[in-house]
Amino acid sequence: MHMLYDSPSYIVVQFDVPVALSPGDAAHAVQADREDVPALQRDGFEIVDKFTRKEIFIEGALAQTFQEGVEALIEQGPDVDDLDAFIAQYANLGQQPVIMH
């Protein structure tokens, strides 16, 4: 877990979660004489909207699009307002309320 961004409006955290091979995957690797099966990753981003107190976890193609958009924006030297406007596009999809434990 890596906090990537923290503004007055949003928090963005990146998760790199290794996924264990299932028994079927392990058996397939043995049959194929492959011991170097790459570790699977389940990467994603959690975006928290501090004002609405809602969050969303994005993964897969949506997370890839988000990451590419952030990288392209960073190349332009954005300010906080530019980053917040971009993040808002994804944060608006959030429906999960933030609950403090």
Foldseek 3Di string as FASTA:
>chain_A
DAFDDDDPFKTKDKDKAWDDDDPVRVVVCVVVVHPPDDIDTWIWMWMAGPVVQFIDIDTDPVRVVLVVVVVVVVVVVDDPVVVVVSVCVVRVVTDHGHDDD
